[in-house]
Protein backbone atom coordinates (compact mmCIF):
# COMPACT_ATOMS: atom_id res chain seq x y z
CA UNK A 1 0.18 0.00 0.16
CA UNK A 2 1.37 3.38 -0.83
CA UNK A 3 2.10 6.41 0.83
CA UNK A 4 -1.21 8.25 -0.80
CA UNK A 5 -3.33 4.97 0.05
CA UNK A 6 -2.73 4.98 3.59
CA UNK A 7 -3.52 8.55 3.99
CA UNK A 8 -6.96 8.06 2.18
CA UNK A 9 -7.51 5.26 4.75
CA UNK A 10 -6.54 7.26 7.72
CA UNK A 11 -8.47 10.04 6.40
CA UNK A 12 -11.48 7.66 6.15
CA UNK A 13 -10.95 6.02 9.50
CA UNK A 14 -11.06 9.72 11.18
CA UNK A 15 -13.70 10.49 9.91
CA UNK A 16 -15.47 7.66 10.97
CA UNK A 17 -14.43 8.67 14.36
CA UNK A 18 -15.73 11.78 14.33
CA UNK A 19 -19.38 10.57 12.78
CA UNK A 20 -20.00 8.27 15.85
CA UNK A 21 -19.11 11.31 18.32
CA UNK A 22 -21.76 13.29 16.45
CA UNK A 23 -23.87 10.79 16.66
CA UNK A 24 -23.47 9.78 20.08
CA UNK A 25 -23.50 13.81 21.42
CA UNK A 26 -26.55 13.97 19.42
CA UNK A 27 -28.22 10.99 21.20
CA UNK A 28 -27.57 12.54 24.59
CA UNK A 29 -28.53 15.45 24.33
CA UNK A 30 -32.44 14.50 23.05
CA UNK A 31 -32.02 11.83 26.04
CA UNK A 32 -31.43 14.83 28.69
CA UNK A 33 -33.93 17.03 26.83
CA UNK A 34 -36.86 14.34 27.19
CA UNK A 35 -37.17 13.93 30.63
CA UNK A 36 -37.94 18.18 31.01
CA UNK A 37 -40.34 17.84 28.18
CA UNK A 38 -42.04 14.67 30.22
CA UNK A 39 -42.06 16.62 33.55
CA UNK A 40 -43.88 20.20 31.11
CA UNK A 41 -46.40 18.06 30.02
CA UNK A 42 -47.73 16.38 33.37
CA UNK A 43 -47.20 19.56 35.06
CA UNK A 44 -50.73 19.70 36.24
CA UNK A 45 -53.09 23.63 36.24
CA UNK A 46 -54.94 23.77 39.26
CA UNK A 47 -57.94 25.83 39.50
CA UNK A 48 -57.02 29.17 40.44
CA UNK A 49 -53.75 29.34 37.83
CA UNK A 50 -56.76 28.17 35.03
CA UNK A 51 -58.99 30.73 36.21
CA UNK A 52 -56.11 33.12 36.49
CA UNK A 53 -54.36 32.55 32.83
CA UNK A 54 -58.18 32.88 31.60
CA UNK A 55 -58.52 36.40 33.31
CA UNK A 56 -55.32 37.24 31.57
CA UNK A 57 -56.20 36.31 28.37
CA UNK A 58 -59.17 38.07 28.56
CA UNK A 59 -57.74 41.14 29.91
CA UNK A 60 -55.63 41.10 26.84
CA UNK A 61 -58.99 41.78 24.62
CA UNK A 62 -60.19 44.72 26.89
CA UNK A 63 -62.98 42.44 28.61
CA UNK A 64 -63.43 44.58 32.39
CA UNK A 65 -63.65 42.58 35.76
CA UNK A 66 -67.12 44.09 35.89
CA UNK A 67 -67.94 42.48 33.35
CA UNK A 68 -68.04 39.05 34.88
CA UNK A 69 -71.63 38.48 35.85
CA UNK A 70 -71.48 34.87 37.20
CA UNK A 71 -68.56 32.68 38.91
CA UNK A 72 -70.04 29.33 40.44
CA UNK A 73 -66.77 27.71 41.94
CA UNK A 74 -68.92 24.67 42.59
CA UNK A 75 -71.33 23.65 39.64
CA UNK A 76 -74.01 21.63 40.06
CA UNK A 77 -73.26 20.41 36.36
CA UNK A 78 -69.83 18.51 37.46
CA UNK A 79 -67.56 21.52 36.27
CA UNK A 80 -64.62 22.81 38.45
CA UNK A 81 -66.13 26.29 37.81
CA UNK A 82 -68.70 28.23 35.61
CA UNK A 83 -68.62 32.28 34.60
CA UNK A 84 -70.63 34.33 32.21
CA UNK A 85 -69.14 37.10 30.85
CA UNK A 86 -70.57 40.30 28.97
CA UNK A 87 -68.34 41.14 25.90
CA UNK A 88 -68.45 44.22 23.59
CA UNK A 89 -70.26 44.00 20.10
CA UNK A 90 -66.51 45.11 18.62
CA UNK A 91 -64.60 41.57 19.92
CA UNK A 92 -64.92 39.18 17.45
CA UNK A 93 -65.37 35.52 19.51
CA UNK A 94 -63.36 33.69 16.64
CA UNK A 95 -60.28 35.88 18.12
CA UNK A 96 -61.09 35.37 20.95
CA UNK A 97 -61.89 31.89 21.02
CA UNK A 98 -58.48 31.37 19.02
CA UNK A 99 -56.42 32.87 22.12
CA UNK A 100 -58.45 30.09 24.35
CA UNK A 101 -58.25 27.27 22.21
CA UNK A 102 -54.15 27.96 22.02
CA UNK A 103 -53.84 28.04 26.27
CA UNK A 104 -56.22 25.05 26.19
CA UNK A 105 -54.19 23.31 23.81
CA UNK A 106 -50.78 24.13 25.79
CA UNK A 107 -52.41 22.38 29.08
CA UNK A 108 -54.09 19.42 27.89
CA UNK A 109 -57.09 20.73 27.76
CA UNK A 110 -59.74 20.64 24.56
CA UNK A 111 -62.96 22.49 24.24
CA UNK A 112 -66.13 22.20 22.43
CA UNK A 113 -67.34 25.56 21.24
CA UNK A 114 -71.43 26.23 20.63
CA UNK A 115 -72.16 29.60 18.86
CA UNK A 116 -76.10 30.93 18.63
CA UNK A 117 -76.75 31.61 15.65
CA UNK A 118 -79.06 34.64 15.89
CA UNK A 119 -77.40 36.39 18.90
CA UNK A 120 -73.31 35.33 18.08
CA UNK A 121 -73.06 34.17 21.93
CA UNK A 122 -71.27 31.50 22.60
CA UNK A 123 -71.13 28.60 25.12
CA UNK A 124 -67.39 27.07 25.58
CA UNK A 125 -67.37 24.18 27.52
CA UNK A 126 -63.80 23.16 28.87
CA UNK A 127 -63.01 19.26 29.28
CA UNK A 128 -59.14 17.99 30.70
CA UNK A 129 -57.66 15.06 29.21
CA UNK A 130 -55.54 13.09 31.50
CA UNK A 131 -53.91 9.20 30.88
CA UNK A 132 -56.71 9.79 27.19
CA UNK A 133 -59.38 10.28 29.57
CA UNK A 134 -61.90 13.39 29.17
CA UNK A 135 -63.26 14.76 31.96
CA UNK A 136 -65.94 18.46 32.49
CA UNK A 137 -63.59 20.80 33.49
CA UNK A 138 -64.74 24.53 33.00
CA UNK A 139 -67.73 26.51 31.34
CA UNK A 140 -67.22 30.08 30.09
CA UNK A 141 -70.67 31.99 28.51
CA UNK A 142 -69.42 34.61 26.71
CA UNK A 143 -72.68 36.93 25.90
CA UNK A 144 -72.44 40.21 23.45
CA UNK A 145 -73.76 43.22 25.54
CA UNK A 146 -74.47 47.18 25.20
CA UNK A 147 -73.37 47.27 28.46
CA UNK A 148 -70.04 46.19 27.68
CA UNK A 149 -68.11 49.23 26.11
CA UNK A 150 -64.69 49.16 25.41
CA UNK A 151 -63.56 52.70 26.02
CA UNK A 152 -60.31 52.89 24.60
CA UNK A 153 -58.04 55.19 21.88
CA UNK A 154 -58.17 55.80 17.93
CA UNK A 155 -54.88 56.44 16.92
CA UNK A 156 -53.73 58.66 13.69
CA UNK A 157 -50.09 57.59 12.84
CA UNK A 158 -48.75 59.78 9.95
CA UNK A 159 -45.30 58.70 8.40
CA UNK A 160 -42.75 61.36 7.95
CA UNK A 161 -39.63 61.49 5.70
CA UNK A 162 -40.70 58.16 3.49
CA UNK A 163 -38.64 59.65 0.64
CA UNK A 164 -35.18 59.21 2.48
CA UNK A 165 -35.51 55.35 3.24
CA UNK A 166 -35.29 52.24 0.26
CA UNK A 167 -37.42 52.65 -2.67
CA UNK A 168 -38.16 49.05 -2.30
CA UNK A 169 -39.12 49.26 1.45
CA UNK A 170 -40.97 52.65 0.83
CA UNK A 171 -43.24 50.40 -1.31
CA UNK A 172 -44.04 47.44 1.22
CA UNK A 173 -45.04 50.19 3.47
CA UNK A 174 -47.02 52.47 0.79
CA UNK A 175 -49.04 48.68 0.09
CA UNK A 176 -49.41 48.21 3.08
CA UNK A 177 -53.78 47.94 4.24
CA UNK A 178 -53.01 49.43 7.59
CA UNK A 179 -54.63 52.71 8.13
CA UNK A 180 -52.03 55.27 8.50
CA UNK A 181 -50.86 58.69 6.73
CA UNK A 182 -48.10 60.21 4.98
CA UNK A 183 -46.13 63.53 4.72
CA UNK A 184 -46.51 63.66 1.00
CA UNK A 185 -42.68 65.23 -0.30
CA UNK A 186 -42.78 67.94 -2.49
CA UNK A 187 -39.79 68.14 -3.94
CA UNK A 188 -39.40 67.67 -7.96
CA UNK A 189 -36.82 64.79 -7.06
CA UNK A 190 -38.67 62.76 -4.87
CA UNK A 191 -41.51 62.34 -8.13
CA UNK A 192 -41.13 58.62 -7.90
CA UNK A 193 -42.53 59.07 -4.55
CA UNK A 194 -45.30 61.07 -5.04
CA UNK A 195 -46.29 58.89 -7.89
CA UNK A 196 -45.96 55.70 -5.39
CA UNK A 197 -48.36 57.47 -2.76
CA UNK A 198 -50.91 58.20 -5.15
CA UNK A 199 -50.96 54.56 -7.17
CA UNK A 200 -51.65 53.27 -3.94
CA UNK A 201 -54.44 55.59 -2.86
CA UNK A 202 -52.22 56.28 0.57
CA UNK A 203 -54.01 59.14 2.63
CA UNK A 204 -51.08 61.95 2.83
CA UNK A 205 -50.92 65.40 4.25
CA UNK A 206 -48.54 68.43 3.40
CA UNK A 207 -46.26 69.83 5.91
CA UNK A 208 -44.73 73.67 5.51
CA UNK A 209 -42.33 75.63 7.62
CA UNK A 210 -43.45 79.34 9.06
CA UNK A 211 -40.04 81.18 9.18
CA UNK A 212 -39.21 85.03 9.77
CA UNK A 213 -38.03 87.62 7.50
CA UNK A 214 -35.08 86.68 5.00
CA UNK A 215 -35.34 82.90 6.14
CA UNK A 216 -34.83 81.89 2.97
CA UNK A 217 -35.27 77.91 4.10
CA UNK A 218 -38.71 78.57 5.27
CA UNK A 219 -41.82 77.66 2.91
CA UNK A 220 -43.42 80.73 4.33
CA UNK A 221 -41.78 83.68 5.86
CA UNK A 222 -42.97 86.92 7.29
CA UNK A 223 -41.79 89.71 4.77
CA UNK A 224 -43.62 87.96 2.08
CA UNK A 225 -46.01 89.83 0.40
CA UNK A 226 -49.75 89.17 0.71
CA UNK A 227 -49.98 88.66 -3.18
CA UNK A 228 -47.16 85.68 -3.04
CA UNK A 229 -48.90 84.38 0.03
CA UNK A 230 -52.10 84.00 -1.62
CA UNK A 231 -50.47 82.97 -4.80
CA UNK A 232 -48.26 80.60 -3.33
CA UNK A 233 -51.86 78.76 -1.09
CA UNK A 234 -53.36 78.69 -3.97
CA UNK A 235 -51.00 77.11 -6.03
CA UNK A 236 -50.91 73.98 -3.50
CA UNK A 237 -54.59 73.45 -3.37
CA UNK A 238 -54.88 73.33 -6.78
CA UNK A 239 -51.73 71.21 -6.88
CA UNK A 240 -52.62 68.60 -4.27
CA UNK A 241 -56.57 68.86 -4.04
CA UNK A 242 -56.67 65.56 -2.31
CA UNK A 243 -54.46 66.07 0.76
CA UNK A 244 -55.63 65.48 3.64
CA UNK A 245 -54.56 68.79 4.98
CA UNK A 246 -51.43 71.30 6.35
CA UNK A 247 -49.51 70.66 9.17
CA UNK A 248 -47.55 74.09 9.88
CA UNK A 249 -44.49 74.12 12.07
CA UNK A 250 -44.02 77.30 13.56
CA UNK A 251 -42.69 79.10 16.65
CA UNK A 252 -44.59 81.14 19.10
CA UNK A 253 -43.32 84.13 17.96
CA UNK A 254 -44.37 83.29 14.66
CA UNK A 255 -47.96 83.06 15.37
CA UNK A 256 -49.66 85.79 14.38
CA UNK A 257 -48.14 85.37 10.64
CA UNK A 258 -49.11 81.69 11.00
CA UNK A 259 -53.06 82.63 11.57
CA UNK A 260 -53.09 84.43 8.74
CA UNK A 261 -51.36 81.43 6.57
CA UNK A 262 -54.49 79.28 8.49
CA UNK A 263 -57.00 82.02 7.53
CA UNK A 264 -55.81 81.44 3.87
CA UNK A 265 -55.55 77.83 3.62
CA UNK A 266 -59.21 77.81 4.52
CA UNK A 267 -60.52 79.94 2.66
CA UNK A 268 -59.44 77.28 -0.12
CA UNK A 269 -60.87 74.47 1.65
CA UNK A 270 -57.91 72.92 3.13
CA UNK A 271 -57.81 71.86 6.54
CA UNK A 272 -54.65 73.14 8.54
CA UNK A 273 -52.74 71.32 11.87
CA UNK A 274 -50.27 72.71 14.10
CA UNK A 275 -47.30 70.44 15.07
CA UNK A 276 -48.48 70.87 18.40
CA UNK A 277 -51.09 68.50 18.10
CA UNK A 278 -49.16 65.56 17.05
CA UNK A 279 -46.52 63.53 19.77
CA UNK A 280 -43.10 63.20 17.66
CA UNK A 281 -41.23 60.07 18.57
CA UNK A 282 -37.30 60.38 18.13
CA UNK A 283 -36.11 57.53 19.30
CA UNK A 284 -33.45 56.39 17.29
CA UNK A 285 -33.61 52.90 18.86
CA UNK A 286 -36.74 50.49 19.87
CA UNK A 287 -38.99 53.29 17.91
CA UNK A 288 -42.12 50.84 17.94
CA UNK A 289 -41.63 50.56 21.34
CA UNK A 290 -42.13 53.87 22.03
CA UNK A 291 -44.38 54.09 20.00
CA UNK A 292 -46.77 51.63 21.25
CA UNK A 293 -45.69 52.60 24.90
CA UNK A 294 -46.88 55.88 24.12
CA UNK A 295 -50.44 54.83 23.24
CA UNK A 296 -50.96 52.25 25.87
CA UNK A 297 -50.42 55.05 28.31
CA UNK A 298 -52.51 57.97 26.93
CA UNK A 299 -55.50 55.61 26.35
CA UNK A 300 -55.00 53.84 30.17
CA UNK A 301 -55.43 58.06 30.57
CA UNK A 302 -58.50 58.60 28.67
CA UNK A 303 -57.19 60.35 25.75
CA UNK A 304 -59.74 59.09 23.33
CA UNK A 305 -57.84 61.03 20.06
CA UNK A 306 -54.16 60.74 19.72
CA UNK A 307 -51.81 61.67 17.13
CA UNK A 308 -48.56 60.98 16.12
CA UNK A 309 -45.89 61.42 13.59
CA UNK A 310 -42.65 58.84 13.47
CA UNK A 311 -40.38 57.85 11.21
CA UNK A 312 -39.71 54.02 10.16
CA UNK A 313 -37.44 52.19 8.47
CA UNK A 314 -38.42 48.65 6.62
CA UNK A 315 -37.36 47.35 9.44
CA UNK A 316 -39.04 49.06 11.79
CA UNK A 317 -41.73 49.14 10.06
CA UNK A 318 -42.03 45.18 9.45
CA UNK A 319 -41.78 45.31 13.38
CA UNK A 320 -45.24 47.43 13.62
CA UNK A 321 -46.73 44.80 11.73
CA UNK A 322 -45.74 41.98 13.30
CA UNK A 323 -46.90 43.89 16.93
CA UNK A 324 -50.03 45.64 15.90
CA UNK A 325 -52.31 43.18 16.99
CA UNK A 326 -51.00 43.36 20.52
CA UNK A 327 -53.00 47.14 20.26
CA UNK A 328 -56.00 46.17 18.37
CA UNK A 329 -56.39 43.35 20.80
CA UNK A 330 -58.02 45.27 23.43
CA UNK A 331 -60.20 47.37 21.06
CA UNK A 332 -57.41 50.30 19.96
CA UNK A 333 -58.57 51.89 16.85
CA UNK A 334 -56.57 53.19 13.80
CA UNK A 335 -57.44 56.39 11.66
CA UNK A 336 -56.43 58.38 8.52
CA UNK A 337 -56.02 61.88 9.11
CA UNK A 338 -58.65 62.42 7.00
CA UNK A 339 -61.43 60.75 9.02
CA UNK A 340 -59.35 61.56 12.31
CA UNK A 341 -59.69 65.31 11.33
CA UNK A 342 -64.03 64.92 11.32
CA UNK A 343 -63.94 62.99 14.80
CA UNK A 344 -61.96 66.20 16.45
CA UNK A 345 -64.61 67.74 15.02
CA UNK A 346 -67.26 65.86 16.95
CA UNK A 347 -65.21 66.01 20.01
CA UNK A 348 -64.47 69.03 20.92
CA UNK A 349 -65.90 72.19 20.68
CA UNK A 350 -63.82 75.51 18.71
CA UNK A 351 -62.85 76.74 21.95
CA UNK A 352 -61.54 72.62 22.81
CA UNK A 353 -60.16 72.89 19.69
CA UNK A 354 -57.95 75.40 19.88
CA UNK A 355 -56.31 73.71 23.26
CA UNK A 356 -55.14 71.14 21.95
CA UNK A 357 -54.09 72.80 18.89
CA UNK A 358 -56.42 72.04 16.23
CA UNK A 359 -56.46 75.12 13.97
C-alpha cells in the first residue's frame, strides 16, 4: 500500500470516528432534554391558576372585571367552575376563541364551542385530558351586550420622511393595508415617491414651515407679500387637491403670521393642523416600542384621540406590523388623518379645539 492510499484510509477512519462522536453527542442531548419535556407536559394546572390565566387572556382583549356576571366555583353540572362574561359588540369571538383554544391545547385541555346563530353568543365547554380520559373542567358563557363598551383610543399615525428610505422598503410600507397616513414629499426630485403614494391611494398630509424675514429655508416667511402668499397657497390647493390637510410648523413669535396662513388655507378648503397636536417619536432605537408605550399610556389615561408622527425604516415597519395585534386586541383603532380630522369636530367645540392645537 503506497503512501497516498494509507492517507486515504487514515482520513476515512478519522471521519468515521468523528461521525460516531457526533451521533453520540446528539443522542445524549435528546435524552437529556426528554425528561424536561415529559415533566412539562405532566405539570397540572390548578383551578386557581387556570382561572387566573383565563382572566389574563380576557384582559388582553380589554374585557373588564365588572363584566363578569356569574362565577360558580362548585358547579352542579360537574364543572370545576362556570363563568358568564359580557363582551363588547366589536370583539370578534373567533379571535377570542383562538387565544383561549391555544392556551387549552398547551395545557392538556380541549374545548367544545357552541355559537347561538341569532345572538352570536358562545358557550365554551372545557375538558381536561389525562391518560386519554376526558373529564369536565370549566364552562364559559360569552354574551354580547351594549353595557360592555371598551373606551379606548383611536390613533392617527403619520409617517414622516418615507422619501429617505429605500424605494423597495417604501413600496412595502405604502402597499400595506394598515391605516396610516404619510407626509407627501413635494420636491421635484421625489416624483417617484409621490407617484407611489398616489398609486397606492395612501392618505397624505403636506408639511410647511413658517419663518421670519429673510428665512430662505422656510416655505412661508414674514416678509412675503400678501399677493405672493395667496398665490402660493392657491397653487398648493390646486396641485394637491387630495391632501387631507396641512401641518404648519412655527414658533410662538410667528403665531400672528401663521394665523394669516391658516386663514388663507381655509379659504381654499384645506384643513390646517398645528404641529403641537402631534406627538413626535424621535427615538433612534426601539422606535416601535416607544410608540406603543405612548399609545397604551395615553389610552389608559382616557385620551380618546391620539396623533403621532414617526419616521420608520423598512425594518421598523416590519416590527410594527408584527406587533400591531397587541394594540388592536384590546380595541384600539387606527384612523387616517382625514378620518381623524372629522373625529375632532365631534369631540371638541371651537374653544376646546384651540386648546389641543387644532387650528
